[in-house]
Amino acid sequence: MKQEKPALSPLLRSDTQGLILAQLFMNPDEGFSISDLARFARTSVPTAMREVDRLLDDRIVTAKTFGRSKLIQVNRTHLLFDPIKQIIAYSYGPAAVLPAALYGVDGIEHAFLFGAWASRLKREVGPDPHEVDLLLVGYVNRIEASRAAARIESYLGRAVNVQFVTESDWQKEEADFVKQVKARPLVEIDLN
């Protein structure tokens, strides 16, 4: 099956590759199983394994084996670590850093990326996403959420605009803002 051109970075082969690289480069101190990477990239385990094998061949990542388990971790000593990280942070980074950044923020029921970034990932032609639009649904502690977004802005190299909607407003779909957001592409952030 031929993969489509990546939506967020013309330098990469596919969105799957971009998301796997994002998980690894945005969390360089962590190790991930092939299954973890496949789940994050919303792809099959064999596809994730092929992507990881390419990265292993080029020594961009390392693998540590524990019994039958293999943990994949980015190789921080690779000469291309910093340039790749910068490209990945700008393109696919939001999907990888926002779950950890939002962890522990009280009241979040759902979190979504919307706007230009989500549109591009869903294959809509449009402008380069210069900022990240983040929607938090629930009775969210706005101060904690805004601080979390501010902490990762420099990490991503772009502004993070946070919008808030209550769970009931999200479900009712009566507010114009909610109707607009739901009518456009959304990328749900896995908060688990």
Protein backbone atom coordinates (compact mmCIF):
# COMPACT_ATOMS: atom_id res chain seq x y z
CA MET A 1 0.00 0.00 0.00
CA LYS A 2 1.43 3.36 -1.03
CA GLN A 3 1.52 5.88 1.81
CA GLU A 4 0.36 9.42 1.23
CA LYS A 5 2.76 12.33 1.31
CA PRO A 6 3.15 13.64 4.87
CA ALA A 7 0.84 16.51 5.69
CA LEU A 8 3.03 18.44 8.11
CA SER A 9 6.60 18.03 6.82
CA PRO A 10 7.75 17.55 3.23
CA LEU A 11 11.03 16.13 4.53
CA LEU A 12 9.43 12.95 5.86
CA ARG A 13 8.06 9.88 4.10
CA SER A 14 4.71 9.67 5.89
CA ASP A 15 2.59 10.90 8.78
CA THR A 16 3.24 7.57 10.47
CA GLN A 17 6.98 8.23 10.36
CA GLY A 18 6.39 11.78 11.65
CA LEU A 19 4.30 10.63 14.59
CA ILE A 20 6.75 7.87 15.56
CA LEU A 21 9.63 10.35 15.39
CA ALA A 22 7.60 12.84 17.43
CA GLN A 23 6.97 10.34 20.21
CA LEU A 24 10.68 9.45 20.33
CA PHE A 25 12.23 12.91 19.90
CA MET A 26 9.77 14.81 22.09
CA ASN A 27 10.31 12.29 24.90
CA PRO A 28 14.05 11.57 24.55
CA ASP A 29 14.49 10.18 28.06
CA GLU A 30 11.81 7.54 27.64
CA GLY A 31 11.82 4.18 25.92
CA PHE A 32 8.83 2.90 23.95
CA SER A 33 7.78 -0.53 22.78
CA ILE A 34 6.90 -1.05 19.13
CA SER A 35 3.27 -1.49 20.25
CA ASP A 36 3.36 1.87 22.07
CA LEU A 37 4.69 3.59 18.96
CA ALA A 38 2.14 1.88 16.72
CA ARG A 39 -0.72 2.90 19.00
CA PHE A 40 0.49 6.50 19.15
CA ALA A 41 0.91 6.72 15.36
CA ARG A 42 -2.42 4.92 14.82
CA THR A 43 -0.84 2.29 12.64
CA SER A 44 -0.21 -1.44 12.68
CA VAL A 45 2.63 -3.04 14.63
CA PRO A 46 4.34 -4.33 11.43
CA THR A 47 4.30 -0.82 9.93
CA ALA A 48 5.73 0.69 13.12
CA MET A 49 8.36 -2.06 13.19
CA ARG A 50 9.46 -1.21 9.62
CA GLU A 51 9.79 2.47 10.56
CA VAL A 52 11.78 1.62 13.68
CA ASP A 53 14.03 -0.77 11.74
CA ARG A 54 14.94 2.06 9.35
CA LEU A 55 15.75 4.32 12.30
CA LEU A 56 17.82 1.57 13.93
CA ASP A 57 19.75 0.98 10.70
CA ASP A 58 20.71 4.67 10.64
CA ARG A 59 21.44 4.66 14.41
CA ILE A 60 18.94 7.47 14.98
CA VAL A 61 17.39 5.31 17.70
CA THR A 62 18.69 2.56 19.95
CA ALA A 63 17.00 -0.59 21.20
CA LYS A 64 17.32 -2.25 24.57
CA THR A 65 16.02 -5.77 24.98
CA PHE A 66 14.47 -6.97 28.23
CA GLY A 67 13.48 -10.60 27.81
CA ARG A 68 11.05 -10.63 24.92
CA SER A 69 10.44 -6.88 25.13
CA LYS A 70 12.37 -4.29 23.17
CA LEU A 71 12.39 -0.62 24.16
CA ILE A 72 13.19 1.97 21.53
CA GLN A 73 14.81 5.25 22.54
CA VAL A 74 16.17 8.15 20.53
CA ASN A 75 19.96 8.32 20.20
CA ARG A 76 20.86 11.69 21.74
CA THR A 77 24.49 11.36 20.58
CA HIS A 78 23.57 11.15 16.89
CA LEU A 79 24.91 14.18 15.00
CA LEU A 80 21.45 14.86 13.56
CA PHE A 81 19.64 14.73 16.93
CA ASP A 82 19.19 18.52 17.30
CA PRO A 83 18.15 19.26 13.69
CA ILE A 84 15.72 16.33 13.60
CA LYS A 85 14.26 17.33 16.95
CA GLN A 86 13.70 20.88 15.72
CA ILE A 87 11.93 19.68 12.55
CA ILE A 88 9.82 17.17 14.47
CA ALA A 89 8.93 19.66 17.23
CA TYR A 90 7.69 22.10 14.63
CA SER A 91 5.75 19.59 12.57
CA TYR A 92 4.47 16.60 14.57
CA GLY A 93 5.57 17.65 18.07
CA PRO A 94 2.23 18.92 19.41
CA ALA A 95 0.68 15.45 19.34
CA ALA A 96 3.59 14.07 21.38
CA VAL A 97 4.14 16.78 24.00
CA LEU A 98 0.62 17.87 24.84
CA PRO A 99 -0.48 14.66 26.61
CA ALA A 100 2.34 14.92 29.16
CA ALA A 101 1.97 18.70 29.46
CA LEU A 102 -1.74 18.37 30.24
CA TYR A 103 -1.29 15.50 32.67
CA GLY A 104 -2.55 16.53 36.09
CA VAL A 105 -4.49 19.59 34.92
CA ASP A 106 -7.75 19.38 36.83
CA GLY A 107 -11.07 19.03 35.05
CA ILE A 108 -10.08 18.02 31.52
CA GLU A 109 -12.59 15.57 30.04
CA HIS A 110 -11.29 15.77 26.45
CA ALA A 111 -8.53 17.62 24.65
CA PHE A 112 -8.36 18.32 20.92
CA LEU A 113 -6.05 19.96 18.47
CA PHE A 114 -8.02 21.97 15.94
CA GLY A 115 -7.38 24.72 13.43
CA ALA A 116 -4.60 24.70 10.82
CA TRP A 117 -2.51 21.96 12.47
CA ALA A 118 -5.40 19.49 12.68
CA SER A 119 -6.53 20.40 9.16
CA ARG A 120 -3.10 19.69 7.72
CA LEU A 121 -2.84 16.36 9.53
CA LYS A 122 -6.26 15.44 8.11
CA ARG A 123 -4.92 16.20 4.61
CA GLU A 124 -6.57 19.56 3.98
CA VAL A 125 -4.57 21.98 1.92
CA GLY A 126 -3.94 25.20 3.73
CA PRO A 127 -1.43 27.50 5.33
CA ASP A 128 1.52 26.32 7.35
CA PRO A 129 0.30 26.02 10.95
CA HIS A 130 2.23 28.81 12.69
CA GLU A 131 0.44 28.19 15.97
CA VAL A 132 -1.20 25.30 17.76
CA ASP A 133 -4.90 25.57 18.57
CA LEU A 134 -5.81 23.52 21.63
CA LEU A 135 -9.36 22.94 22.86
CA LEU A 136 -9.93 21.69 26.40
CA VAL A 137 -13.37 20.31 27.23
CA GLY A 138 -14.59 20.09 30.81
CA TYR A 139 -14.55 22.22 33.91
CA VAL A 140 -10.86 22.91 33.49
CA ASN A 141 -8.56 24.80 35.82
CA ARG A 142 -7.74 27.55 33.33
CA ILE A 143 -4.69 28.83 35.16
CA GLU A 144 -3.07 25.38 35.26
CA ALA A 145 -3.95 24.75 31.62
CA SER A 146 -2.55 28.10 30.47
CA ARG A 147 0.67 27.48 32.41
CA ALA A 148 1.01 24.04 30.83
CA ALA A 149 0.57 25.53 27.37
CA ALA A 150 3.09 28.30 28.09
CA ARG A 151 5.70 25.77 29.25
CA ILE A 152 5.67 23.96 25.94
CA GLU A 153 5.52 26.93 23.57
CA SER A 154 9.30 27.34 23.47
CA TYR A 155 9.72 23.58 23.21
CA LEU A 156 7.51 23.49 20.11
CA GLY A 157 8.77 26.76 18.66
CA ARG A 158 5.27 28.17 18.21
CA ALA A 159 2.40 29.70 20.17
CA VAL A 160 -0.21 27.47 21.79
CA ASN A 161 -3.67 29.05 21.86
CA VAL A 162 -5.93 27.45 24.44
CA GLN A 163 -9.72 27.54 24.21
CA PHE A 164 -12.08 26.18 26.85
CA VAL A 165 -15.54 24.65 26.55
CA THR A 166 -17.62 23.00 29.25
CA GLU A 167 -18.61 19.37 28.80
CA SER A 168 -22.30 20.31 28.60
CA ASP A 169 -21.67 22.98 25.92
CA TRP A 170 -19.59 20.48 23.97
CA GLN A 171 -22.38 17.89 24.09
CA LYS A 172 -25.23 20.33 23.33
CA GLU A 173 -23.46 21.80 20.27
CA GLU A 174 -25.49 25.01 20.49
CA ALA A 175 -22.69 27.60 20.77
CA ASP A 176 -21.37 28.96 17.47
CA PHE A 177 -17.76 28.25 18.49
CA VAL A 178 -18.53 24.60 19.24
CA LYS A 179 -20.39 24.21 15.94
CA GLN A 180 -17.44 25.73 14.04
CA VAL A 181 -14.87 23.54 15.76
CA LYS A 182 -16.87 20.34 15.31
CA ALA A 183 -17.42 21.11 11.62
CA ARG A 184 -13.64 21.19 11.00
CA PRO A 185 -10.94 18.56 11.49
CA LEU A 186 -10.13 17.61 15.09
CA VAL A 187 -7.30 15.49 16.46
CA GLU A 188 -8.07 14.10 19.89
CA ILE A 189 -5.20 14.07 22.36
CA ASP A 190 -4.88 10.82 24.25
CA LEU A 191 -4.81 11.79 27.92
CA ASN A 192 -4.29 8.25 29.24
